[in-house]
Amino acid sequence: MNAPKGLTPEQVEKMAKLSRLHMTPTEAQELAAQLSKAITYFEQISAVDTKGIEPLVTPTEMEEVWRQDQAVKELSADELLANAPQRTGNLFTVPPVV
């Protein structure tokens, strides 16, 4: 396994600039350390030999449960709006949001 490659604060600052994020040098330093640690973990995971191992979709046995589509009676607009505090025609009336 190759030695882990860490990110420098300068690289983090460049990514922040490209992402239009404001970042102080202290934040860039902290984030570089955190991301470098994450990269190290990913390198460890990718080094695991998985030859001959079947992919695992889910750790538990799951069965698909299908149901028949059935038409059901939907509520009318008047029934849906029956408890509305205020309404205008078939719409809820709400305070304006600025």
PDB file of N, CA and C in Angstrom:
ATOM      1  N   MET A   1       0.853  -1.189   0.000  1.00  0.00           N
ATOM      2  CA  MET A   1       0.000   0.000   0.000  1.00  0.00           C
ATOM      3  C   MET A   1       0.887   1.237   0.000  1.00  0.00           C
ATOM      4  N   ASN A   2       0.556   2.193  -0.831  1.00  0.00           N
ATOM      5  CA  ASN A   2       1.313   3.438  -0.899  1.00  0.00           C
ATOM      6  C   ASN A   2       1.048   4.281   0.330  1.00  0.00           C
ATOM      7  N   ALA A   3       1.968   5.176   0.621  1.00  0.00           N
ATOM      8  CA  ALA A   3       1.768   6.083   1.752  1.00  0.00           C
ATOM      9  C   ALA A   3       0.578   6.984   1.456  1.00  0.00           C
ATOM     10  N   PRO A   4      -0.259   7.262   2.475  1.00  0.00           N
ATOM     11  CA  PRO A   4      -1.428   8.107   2.237  1.00  0.00           C
ATOM     12  C   PRO A   4      -1.018   9.495   1.792  1.00  0.00           C
ATOM     13  N   LYS A   5      -1.768  10.016   0.872  1.00  0.00           N
ATOM     14  CA  LYS A   5      -1.505  11.356   0.367  1.00  0.00           C
ATOM     15  C   LYS A   5      -2.490  12.311   1.029  1.00  0.00           C
ATOM     16  N   GLY A   6      -1.977  13.248   1.769  1.00  0.00           N
ATOM     17  CA  GLY A   6      -2.836  14.194   2.461  1.00  0.00           C
ATOM     18  C   GLY A   6      -3.057  15.447   1.634  1.00  0.00           C
ATOM     19  N   LEU A   7      -4.073  16.172   1.992  1.00  0.00           N
ATOM     20  CA  LEU A   7      -4.353  17.446   1.343  1.00  0.00           C
ATOM     21  C   LEU A   7      -3.660  18.562   2.113  1.00  0.00           C
ATOM     22  N   THR A   8      -3.204  19.534   1.382  1.00  0.00           N
ATOM     23  CA  THR A   8      -2.590  20.694   2.024  1.00  0.00           C
ATOM     24  C   THR A   8      -3.661  21.758   2.241  1.00  0.00           C
ATOM     25  N   PRO A   9      -3.435  22.655   3.200  1.00  0.00           N
ATOM     26  CA  PRO A   9      -4.378  23.762   3.383  1.00  0.00           C
ATOM     27  C   PRO A   9      -4.538  24.596   2.114  1.00  0.00           C
ATOM     28  N   GLU A  10      -3.484  24.697   1.312  1.00  0.00           N
ATOM     29  CA  GLU A  10      -3.573  25.467   0.062  1.00  0.00           C
ATOM     30  C   GLU A  10      -4.537  24.800  -0.921  1.00  0.00           C
ATOM     31  N   GLN A  11      -4.502  23.461  -0.984  1.00  0.00           N
ATOM     32  CA  GLN A  11      -5.431  22.746  -1.855  1.00  0.00           C
ATOM     33  C   GLN A  11      -6.875  22.932  -1.383  1.00  0.00           C
ATOM     34  N   VAL A  12      -7.074  22.895  -0.078  1.00  0.00           N
ATOM     35  CA  VAL A  12      -8.418  23.090   0.477  1.00  0.00           C
ATOM     36  C   VAL A  12      -8.895  24.507   0.187  1.00  0.00           C
ATOM     37  N   GLU A  13      -8.016  25.491   0.336  1.00  0.00           N
ATOM     38  CA  GLU A  13      -8.393  26.878   0.047  1.00  0.00           C
ATOM     39  C   GLU A  13      -8.755  27.036  -1.430  1.00  0.00           C
ATOM     40  N   LYS A  14      -8.021  26.359  -2.323  1.00  0.00           N
ATOM     41  CA  LYS A  14      -8.331  26.434  -3.752  1.00  0.00           C
ATOM     42  C   LYS A  14      -9.708  25.825  -4.032  1.00  0.00           C
ATOM     43  N   MET A  15     -10.001  24.660  -3.413  1.00  0.00           N
ATOM     44  CA  MET A  15     -11.323  24.043  -3.596  1.00  0.00           C
ATOM     45  C   MET A  15     -12.423  24.947  -3.051  1.00  0.00           C
ATOM     46  N   ALA A  16     -12.152  25.591  -1.918  1.00  0.00           N
ATOM     47  CA  ALA A  16     -13.136  26.499  -1.333  1.00  0.00           C
ATOM     48  C   ALA A  16     -13.396  27.669  -2.271  1.00  0.00           C
ATOM     49  N   LYS A  17     -12.336  28.203  -2.845  1.00  0.00           N
ATOM     50  CA  LYS A  17     -12.488  29.328  -3.770  1.00  0.00           C
ATOM     51  C   LYS A  17     -13.299  28.915  -4.992  1.00  0.00           C
ATOM     52  N   LEU A  18     -12.991  27.736  -5.558  1.00  0.00           N
ATOM     53  CA  LEU A  18     -13.738  27.240  -6.719  1.00  0.00           C
ATOM     54  C   LEU A  18     -15.200  26.981  -6.377  1.00  0.00           C
ATOM     55  N   SER A  19     -15.454  26.633  -5.125  1.00  0.00           N
ATOM     56  CA  SER A  19     -16.823  26.379  -4.666  1.00  0.00           C
ATOM     57  C   SER A  19     -17.499  27.650  -4.189  1.00  0.00           C
ATOM     58  N   ARG A  20     -16.784  28.752  -4.270  1.00  0.00           N
ATOM     59  CA  ARG A  20     -17.281  30.060  -3.824  1.00  0.00           C
ATOM     60  C   ARG A  20     -17.625  30.044  -2.338  1.00  0.00           C
ATOM     61  N   LEU A  21     -16.745  29.408  -1.548  1.00  0.00           N
ATOM     62  CA  LEU A  21     -16.903  29.369  -0.099  1.00  0.00           C
ATOM     63  C   LEU A  21     -15.819  30.212   0.538  1.00  0.00           C
ATOM     64  N   HIS A  22     -16.187  30.948   1.565  1.00  0.00           N
ATOM     65  CA  HIS A  22     -15.195  31.714   2.316  1.00  0.00           C
ATOM     66  C   HIS A  22     -14.635  30.813   3.402  1.00  0.00           C
ATOM     67  N   MET A  23     -13.298  30.768   3.494  1.00  0.00           N
ATOM     68  CA  MET A  23     -12.663  29.911   4.482  1.00  0.00           C
ATOM     69  C   MET A  23     -11.423  30.618   5.011  1.00  0.00           C
ATOM     70  N   THR A  24     -11.317  30.648   6.324  1.00  0.00           N
ATOM     71  CA  THR A  24     -10.139  31.244   6.940  1.00  0.00           C
ATOM     72  C   THR A  24      -8.981  30.248   6.840  1.00  0.00           C
ATOM     73  N   PRO A  25      -7.741  30.730   6.967  1.00  0.00           N
ATOM     74  CA  PRO A  25      -6.599  29.809   6.944  1.00  0.00           C
ATOM     75  C   PRO A  25      -6.687  28.746   8.043  1.00  0.00           C
ATOM     76  N   THR A  26      -7.204  29.105   9.200  1.00  0.00           N
ATOM     77  CA  THR A  26      -7.357  28.127  10.292  1.00  0.00           C
ATOM     78  C   THR A  26      -8.352  27.040   9.901  1.00  0.00           C
ATOM     79  N   GLU A  27      -9.475  27.443   9.300  1.00  0.00           N
ATOM     80  CA  GLU A  27     -10.469  26.460   8.856  1.00  0.00           C
ATOM     81  C   GLU A  27      -9.888  25.555   7.776  1.00  0.00           C
ATOM     82  N   ALA A  28      -9.106  26.130   6.867  1.00  0.00           N
ATOM     83  CA  ALA A  28      -8.489  25.333   5.804  1.00  0.00           C
ATOM     84  C   ALA A  28      -7.533  24.312   6.399  1.00  0.00           C
ATOM     85  N   GLN A  29      -6.778  24.715   7.410  1.00  0.00           N
ATOM     86  CA  GLN A  29      -5.841  23.808   8.078  1.00  0.00           C
ATOM     87  C   GLN A  29      -6.587  22.646   8.727  1.00  0.00           C
ATOM     88  N   GLU A  30      -7.676  22.965   9.451  1.00  0.00           N
ATOM     89  CA  GLU A  30      -8.454  21.926  10.128  1.00  0.00           C
ATOM     90  C   GLU A  30      -9.107  20.981   9.128  1.00  0.00           C
ATOM     91  N   LEU A  31      -9.677  21.554   8.064  1.00  0.00           N
ATOM     92  CA  LEU A  31     -10.356  20.737   7.063  1.00  0.00           C
ATOM     93  C   LEU A  31      -9.358  19.861   6.306  1.00  0.00           C
ATOM     94  N   ALA A  32      -8.168  20.378   6.035  1.00  0.00           N
ATOM     95  CA  ALA A  32      -7.143  19.582   5.358  1.00  0.00           C
ATOM     96  C   ALA A  32      -6.791  18.364   6.199  1.00  0.00           C
ATOM     97  N   ALA A  33      -6.666  18.548   7.503  1.00  0.00           N
ATOM     98  CA  ALA A  33      -6.342  17.422   8.390  1.00  0.00           C
ATOM     99  C   ALA A  33      -7.481  16.405   8.405  1.00  0.00           C
ATOM    100  N   GLN A  34      -8.725  16.881   8.483  1.00  0.00           N
ATOM    101  CA  GLN A  34      -9.873  15.975   8.529  1.00  0.00           C
ATOM    102  C   GLN A  34     -10.012  15.191   7.219  1.00  0.00           C
ATOM    103  N   LEU A  35      -9.867  15.888   6.082  1.00  0.00           N
ATOM    104  CA  LEU A  35      -9.999  15.215   4.789  1.00  0.00           C
ATOM    105  C   LEU A  35      -8.856  14.232   4.559  1.00  0.00           C
ATOM    106  N   SER A  36      -7.660  14.580   5.003  1.00  0.00           N
ATOM    107  CA  SER A  36      -6.519  13.675   4.868  1.00  0.00           C
ATOM    108  C   SER A  36      -6.764  12.395   5.658  1.00  0.00           C
ATOM    109  N   LYS A  37      -7.362  12.535   6.827  1.00  0.00           N
ATOM    110  CA  LYS A  37      -7.687  11.364   7.646  1.00  0.00           C
ATOM    111  C   LYS A  37      -8.716  10.487   6.928  1.00  0.00           C
ATOM    112  N   ALA A  38      -9.723  11.111   6.321  1.00  0.00           N
ATOM    113  CA  ALA A  38     -10.743  10.357   5.589  1.00  0.00           C
ATOM    114  C   ALA A  38     -10.120   9.633   4.399  1.00  0.00           C
ATOM    115  N   ILE A  39      -9.221  10.299   3.689  1.00  0.00           N
ATOM    116  CA  ILE A  39      -8.551   9.670   2.545  1.00  0.00           C
ATOM    117  C   ILE A  39      -7.754   8.458   3.008  1.00  0.00           C
ATOM    118  N   THR A  40      -7.114   8.563   4.165  1.00  0.00           N
ATOM    119  CA  THR A  40      -6.358   7.432   4.720  1.00  0.00           C
ATOM    120  C   THR A  40      -7.284   6.245   4.957  1.00  0.00           C
ATOM    121  N   TYR A  41      -8.467   6.489   5.512  1.00  0.00           N
ATOM    122  CA  TYR A  41      -9.430   5.410   5.745  1.00  0.00           C
ATOM    123  C   TYR A  41      -9.868   4.775   4.429  1.00  0.00           C
ATOM    124  N   PHE A  42     -10.125   5.600   3.409  1.00  0.00           N
ATOM    125  CA  PHE A  42     -10.538   5.068   2.112  1.00  0.00           C
ATOM    126  C   PHE A  42      -9.424   4.215   1.502  1.00  0.00           C
ATOM    127  N   GLU A  43      -8.179   4.633   1.667  1.00  0.00           N
ATOM    128  CA  GLU A  43      -7.064   3.849   1.151  1.00  0.00           C
ATOM    129  C   GLU A  43      -6.977   2.506   1.866  1.00  0.00           C
ATOM    130  N   GLN A  44      -7.243   2.479   3.175  1.00  0.00           N
ATOM    131  CA  GLN A  44      -7.232   1.224   3.918  1.00  0.00           C
ATOM    132  C   GLN A  44      -8.335   0.295   3.423  1.00  0.00           C
ATOM    133  N   ILE A  45      -9.516   0.853   3.195  1.00  0.00           N
ATOM    134  CA  ILE A  45     -10.648   0.053   2.721  1.00  0.00           C
ATOM    135  C   ILE A  45     -10.366  -0.494   1.331  1.00  0.00           C
ATOM    136  N   SER A  46      -9.796   0.324   0.455  1.00  0.00           N
ATOM    137  CA  SER A  46      -9.546  -0.138  -0.916  1.00  0.00           C
ATOM    138  C   SER A  46      -8.442  -1.188  -0.972  1.00  0.00           C
ATOM    139  N   ALA A  47      -7.627  -1.303   0.077  1.00  0.00           N
ATOM    140  CA  ALA A  47      -6.558  -2.295   0.108  1.00  0.00           C
ATOM    141  C   ALA A  47      -7.060  -3.682   0.505  1.00  0.00           C
ATOM    142  N   VAL A  48      -8.293  -3.790   0.975  1.00  0.00           N
ATOM    143  CA  VAL A  48      -8.840  -5.085   1.399  1.00  0.00           C
ATOM    144  C   VAL A  48      -9.065  -5.961   0.168  1.00  0.00           C
ATOM    145  N   ASP A  49      -8.600  -7.207   0.245  1.00  0.00           N
ATOM    146  CA  ASP A  49      -8.764  -8.155  -0.853  1.00  0.00           C
ATOM    147  C   ASP A  49     -10.189  -8.692  -0.851  1.00  0.00           C
ATOM    148  N   THR A  50     -10.940  -8.400  -1.899  1.00  0.00           N
ATOM    149  CA  THR A  50     -12.335  -8.839  -1.984  1.00  0.00           C
ATOM    150  C   THR A  50     -12.555  -9.822  -3.137  1.00  0.00           C
ATOM    151  N   LYS A  51     -11.471 -10.412  -3.644  1.00  0.00           N
ATOM    152  CA  LYS A  51     -11.622 -11.385  -4.736  1.00  0.00           C
ATOM    153  C   LYS A  51     -12.415 -12.583  -4.224  1.00  0.00           C
ATOM    154  N   GLY A  52     -13.388 -13.017  -5.023  1.00  0.00           N
ATOM    155  CA  GLY A  52     -14.182 -14.176  -4.659  1.00  0.00           C
ATOM    156  C   GLY A  52     -15.312 -13.879  -3.696  1.00  0.00           C
ATOM    157  N   ILE A  53     -15.499 -12.636  -3.315  1.00  0.00           N
ATOM    158  CA  ILE A  53     -16.576 -12.254  -2.396  1.00  0.00           C
ATOM    159  C   ILE A  53     -17.730 -11.697  -3.236  1.00  0.00           C
ATOM    160  N   GLU A  54     -18.897 -12.270  -3.038  1.00  0.00           N
ATOM    161  CA  GLU A  54     -20.079 -11.789  -3.753  1.00  0.00           C
ATOM    162  C   GLU A  54     -20.506 -10.435  -3.194  1.00  0.00           C
ATOM    163  N   PRO A  55     -20.939  -9.520  -4.060  1.00  0.00           N
ATOM    164  CA  PRO A  55     -21.430  -8.228  -3.574  1.00  0.00           C
ATOM    165  C   PRO A  55     -22.635  -8.416  -2.659  1.00  0.00           C
ATOM    166  N   LEU A  56     -22.715  -7.630  -1.627  1.00  0.00           N
ATOM    167  CA  LEU A  56     -23.810  -7.699  -0.667  1.00  0.00           C
ATOM    168  C   LEU A  56     -24.689  -6.468  -0.843  1.00  0.00           C
ATOM    169  N   VAL A  57     -25.930  -6.710  -1.194  1.00  0.00           N
ATOM    170  CA  VAL A  57     -26.861  -5.607  -1.382  1.00  0.00           C
ATOM    171  C   VAL A  57     -27.455  -5.189  -0.050  1.00  0.00           C
ATOM    172  N   THR A  58     -27.808  -6.171   0.759  1.00  0.00           N
ATOM    173  CA  THR A  58     -28.397  -5.899   2.062  1.00  0.00           C
ATOM    174  C   THR A  58     -27.992  -7.027   3.013  1.00  0.00           C
ATOM    175  N   PRO A  59     -27.753  -6.724   4.271  1.00  0.00           N
ATOM    176  CA  PRO A  59     -27.332  -7.769   5.204  1.00  0.00           C
ATOM    177  C   PRO A  59     -28.455  -8.696   5.652  1.00  0.00           C
ATOM    178  N   THR A  60     -29.689  -8.386   5.328  1.00  0.00           N
ATOM    179  CA  THR A  60     -30.806  -9.234   5.726  1.00  0.00           C
ATOM    180  C   THR A  60     -31.544  -9.715   4.484  1.00  0.00           C
ATOM    181  N   GLU A  61     -32.189 -10.831   4.636  1.00  0.00           N
ATOM    182  CA  GLU A  61     -33.000 -11.332   3.526  1.00  0.00           C
ATOM    183  C   GLU A  61     -34.260 -10.476   3.422  1.00  0.00           C
ATOM    184  N   MET A  62     -34.513  -9.984   2.239  1.00  0.00           N
ATOM    185  CA  MET A  62     -35.698  -9.158   2.034  1.00  0.00           C
ATOM    186  C   MET A  62     -36.532  -9.780   0.921  1.00  0.00           C
ATOM    187  N   GLU A  63     -37.808  -9.769   1.110  1.00  0.00           N
ATOM    188  CA  GLU A  63     -38.708 -10.238   0.086  1.00  0.00           C
ATOM    189  C   GLU A  63     -39.528  -9.071  -0.410  1.00  0.00           C
ATOM    190  N   GLU A  64     -39.721  -9.049  -1.730  1.00  0.00           N
ATOM    191  CA  GLU A  64     -40.557  -7.998  -2.294  1.00  0.00           C
ATOM    192  C   GLU A  64     -42.015  -8.304  -1.993  1.00  0.00           C
ATOM    193  N   VAL A  65     -42.715  -7.310  -1.556  1.00  0.00           N
ATOM    194  CA  VAL A  65     -44.131  -7.470  -1.266  1.00  0.00           C
ATOM    195  C   VAL A  65     -44.895  -6.633  -2.285  1.00  0.00           C
ATOM    196  N   TRP A  66     -45.669  -7.300  -3.099  1.00  0.00           N
ATOM    197  CA  TRP A  66     -46.437  -6.613  -4.134  1.00  0.00           C
ATOM    198  C   TRP A  66     -47.900  -6.602  -3.727  1.00  0.00           C
ATOM    199  N   ARG A  67     -48.578  -5.556  -4.094  1.00  0.00           N
ATOM    200  CA  ARG A  67     -50.010  -5.475  -3.859  1.00  0.00           C
ATOM    201  C   ARG A  67     -50.690  -5.103  -5.166  1.00  0.00           C
ATOM    202  N   GLN A  68     -51.924  -5.455  -5.263  1.00  0.00           N
ATOM    203  CA  GLN A  68     -52.703  -5.087  -6.429  1.00  0.00           C
ATOM    204  C   GLN A  68     -53.074  -3.606  -6.354  1.00  0.00           C
ATOM    205  N   ASP A  69     -52.956  -2.928  -7.477  1.00  0.00           N
ATOM    206  CA  ASP A  69     -53.431  -1.548  -7.517  1.00  0.00           C
ATOM    207  C   ASP A  69     -54.954  -1.582  -7.545  1.00  0.00           C
ATOM    208  N   GLN A  70     -55.530  -0.798  -6.650  1.00  0.00           N
ATOM    209  CA  GLN A  70     -56.983  -0.748  -6.598  1.00  0.00           C
ATOM    210  C   GLN A  70     -57.424   0.702  -6.574  1.00  0.00           C
ATOM    211  N   ALA A  71     -58.469   0.974  -7.307  1.00  0.00           N
ATOM    212  CA  ALA A  71     -59.033   2.319  -7.307  1.00  0.00           C
ATOM    213  C   ALA A  71     -59.744   2.545  -5.978  1.00  0.00           C
ATOM    214  N   VAL A  72     -59.535   3.712  -5.388  1.00  0.00           N
ATOM    215  CA  VAL A  72     -60.210   4.064  -4.140  1.00  0.00           C
ATOM    216  C   VAL A  72     -60.883   5.412  -4.324  1.00  0.00           C
ATOM    217  N   LYS A  73     -61.911   5.633  -3.545  1.00  0.00           N
ATOM    218  CA  LYS A  73     -62.629   6.899  -3.635  1.00  0.00           C
ATOM    219  C   LYS A  73     -61.773   7.983  -3.001  1.00  0.00           C
ATOM    220  N   GLU A  74     -61.514   9.013  -3.770  1.00  0.00           N
ATOM    221  CA  GLU A  74     -60.758  10.154  -3.268  1.00  0.00           C
ATOM    222  C   GLU A  74     -61.734  11.166  -2.673  1.00  0.00           C
ATOM    223  N   LEU A  75     -61.226  11.995  -1.771  1.00  0.00           N
ATOM    224  CA  LEU A  75     -62.067  13.035  -1.184  1.00  0.00           C
ATOM    225  C   LEU A  75     -62.282  14.154  -2.188  1.00  0.00           C
ATOM    226  N   SER A  76     -63.431  14.785  -2.103  1.00  0.00           N
ATOM    227  CA  SER A  76     -63.714  15.914  -2.986  1.00  0.00           C
ATOM    228  C   SER A  76     -63.012  17.158  -2.445  1.00  0.00           C
ATOM    229  N   ALA A  77     -62.913  18.188  -3.259  1.00  0.00           N
ATOM    230  CA  ALA A  77     -62.282  19.438  -2.840  1.00  0.00           C
ATOM    231  C   ALA A  77     -62.997  20.003  -1.615  1.00  0.00           C
ATOM    232  N   ASP A  78     -64.328  19.933  -1.575  1.00  0.00           N
ATOM    233  CA  ASP A  78     -65.079  20.452  -0.425  1.00  0.00           C
ATOM    234  C   ASP A  78     -64.748  19.664   0.847  1.00  0.00           C
ATOM    235  N   GLU A  79     -64.598  18.337   0.725  1.00  0.00           N
ATOM    236  CA  GLU A  79     -64.250  17.528   1.886  1.00  0.00           C
ATOM    237  C   GLU A  79     -62.832  17.834   2.376  1.00  0.00           C
ATOM    238  N   LEU A  80     -61.924  18.041   1.447  1.00  0.00           N
ATOM    239  CA  LEU A  80     -60.548  18.355   1.823  1.00  0.00           C
ATOM    240  C   LEU A  80     -60.437  19.716   2.497  1.00  0.00           C
ATOM    241  N   LEU A  81     -61.247  20.670   2.045  1.00  0.00           N
ATOM    242  CA  LEU A  81     -61.167  22.031   2.568  1.00  0.00           C
ATOM    243  C   LEU A  81     -62.123  22.287   3.729  1.00  0.00           C
ATOM    244  N   ALA A  82     -62.826  21.268   4.182  1.00  0.00           N
ATOM    245  CA  ALA A  82     -63.841  21.446   5.220  1.00  0.00           C
ATOM    246  C   ALA A  82     -63.270  22.040   6.504  1.00  0.00           C
ATOM    247  N   ASN A  83     -62.050  21.696   6.878  1.00  0.00           N
ATOM    248  CA  ASN A  83     -61.463  22.192   8.117  1.00  0.00           C
ATOM    249  C   ASN A  83     -60.469  23.334   7.909  1.00  0.00           C
ATOM    250  N   ALA A  84     -60.385  23.845   6.702  1.00  0.00           N
ATOM    251  CA  ALA A  84     -59.456  24.951   6.441  1.00  0.00           C
ATOM    252  C   ALA A  84     -59.916  26.202   7.181  1.00  0.00           C
ATOM    253  N   PRO A  85     -59.004  26.893   7.883  1.00  0.00           N
ATOM    254  CA  PRO A  85     -59.403  28.114   8.582  1.00  0.00           C
ATOM    255  C   PRO A  85     -59.911  29.179   7.620  1.00  0.00           C
ATOM    256  N   GLN A  86     -59.253  29.280   6.463  1.00  0.00           N
ATOM    257  CA  GLN A  86     -59.704  30.230   5.437  1.00  0.00           C
ATOM    258  C   GLN A  86     -59.492  29.580   4.078  1.00  0.00           C
ATOM    259  N   ARG A  87     -60.369  29.876   3.160  1.00  0.00           N
ATOM    260  CA  ARG A  87     -60.230  29.345   1.813  1.00  0.00           C
ATOM    261  C   ARG A  87     -60.730  30.348   0.800  1.00  0.00           C
ATOM    262  N   THR A  88     -60.196  30.242  -0.385  1.00  0.00           N
ATOM    263  CA  THR A  88     -60.634  31.049  -1.510  1.00  0.00           C
ATOM    264  C   THR A  88     -60.950  30.073  -2.632  1.00  0.00           C
ATOM    265  N   GLY A  89     -62.200  29.884  -2.915  1.00  0.00           N
ATOM    266  CA  GLY A  89     -62.605  28.887  -3.906  1.00  0.00           C
ATOM    267  C   GLY A  89     -62.186  27.503  -3.427  1.00  0.00           C
ATOM    268  N   ASN A  90     -61.419  26.790  -4.242  1.00  0.00           N
ATOM    269  CA  ASN A  90     -60.940  25.457  -3.867  1.00  0.00           C
ATOM    270  C   ASN A  90     -59.491  25.488  -3.377  1.00  0.00           C
ATOM    271  N   LEU A  91     -59.054  26.630  -2.830  1.00  0.00           N
ATOM    272  CA  LEU A  91     -57.678  26.774  -2.376  1.00  0.00           C
ATOM    273  C   LEU A  91     -57.626  27.181  -0.916  1.00  0.00           C
ATOM    274  N   PHE A  92     -56.546  26.771  -0.212  1.00  0.00           N
ATOM    275  CA  PHE A  92     -56.300  27.254   1.132  1.00  0.00           C
ATOM    276  C   PHE A  92     -55.819  28.697   1.048  1.00  0.00           C
ATOM    277  N   THR A  93     -56.310  29.550   1.913  1.00  0.00           N
ATOM    278  CA  THR A  93     -55.819  30.929   1.979  1.00  0.00           C
ATOM    279  C   THR A  93     -54.819  30.997   3.128  1.00  0.00           C
ATOM    280  N   VAL A  94     -53.604  31.445   2.794  1.00  0.00           N
ATOM    281  CA  VAL A  94     -52.541  31.536   3.789  1.00  0.00           C
ATOM    282  C   VAL A  94     -51.982  32.946   3.804  1.00  0.00           C
ATOM    283  N   PRO A  95     -51.356  33.353   4.912  1.00  0.00           N
ATOM    284  CA  PRO A  95     -50.759  34.697   4.947  1.00  0.00           C
ATOM    285  C   PRO A  95     -49.656  34.807   3.903  1.00  0.00           C
ATOM    286  N   PRO A  96     -49.480  35.992   3.344  1.00  0.00           N
ATOM    287  CA  PRO A  96     -48.418  36.167   2.348  1.00  0.00           C
ATOM    288  C   PRO A  96     -47.042  36.020   2.998  1.00  0.00           C
ATOM    289  N   VAL A  97     -46.103  35.466   2.256  1.00  0.00           N
ATOM    290  CA  VAL A  97     -44.740  35.299   2.722  1.00  0.00           C
ATOM    291  C   VAL A  97     -43.833  36.169   1.864  1.00  0.00           C
ATOM    292  N   VAL A  98     -43.055  36.987   2.522  1.00  0.00           N
ATOM    293  CA  VAL A  98     -42.179  37.896   1.776  1.00  0.00           C
ATOM    294  C   VAL A  98     -40.774  37.360   1.776  1.00  0.00           C
TER     295      VAL A  98
END
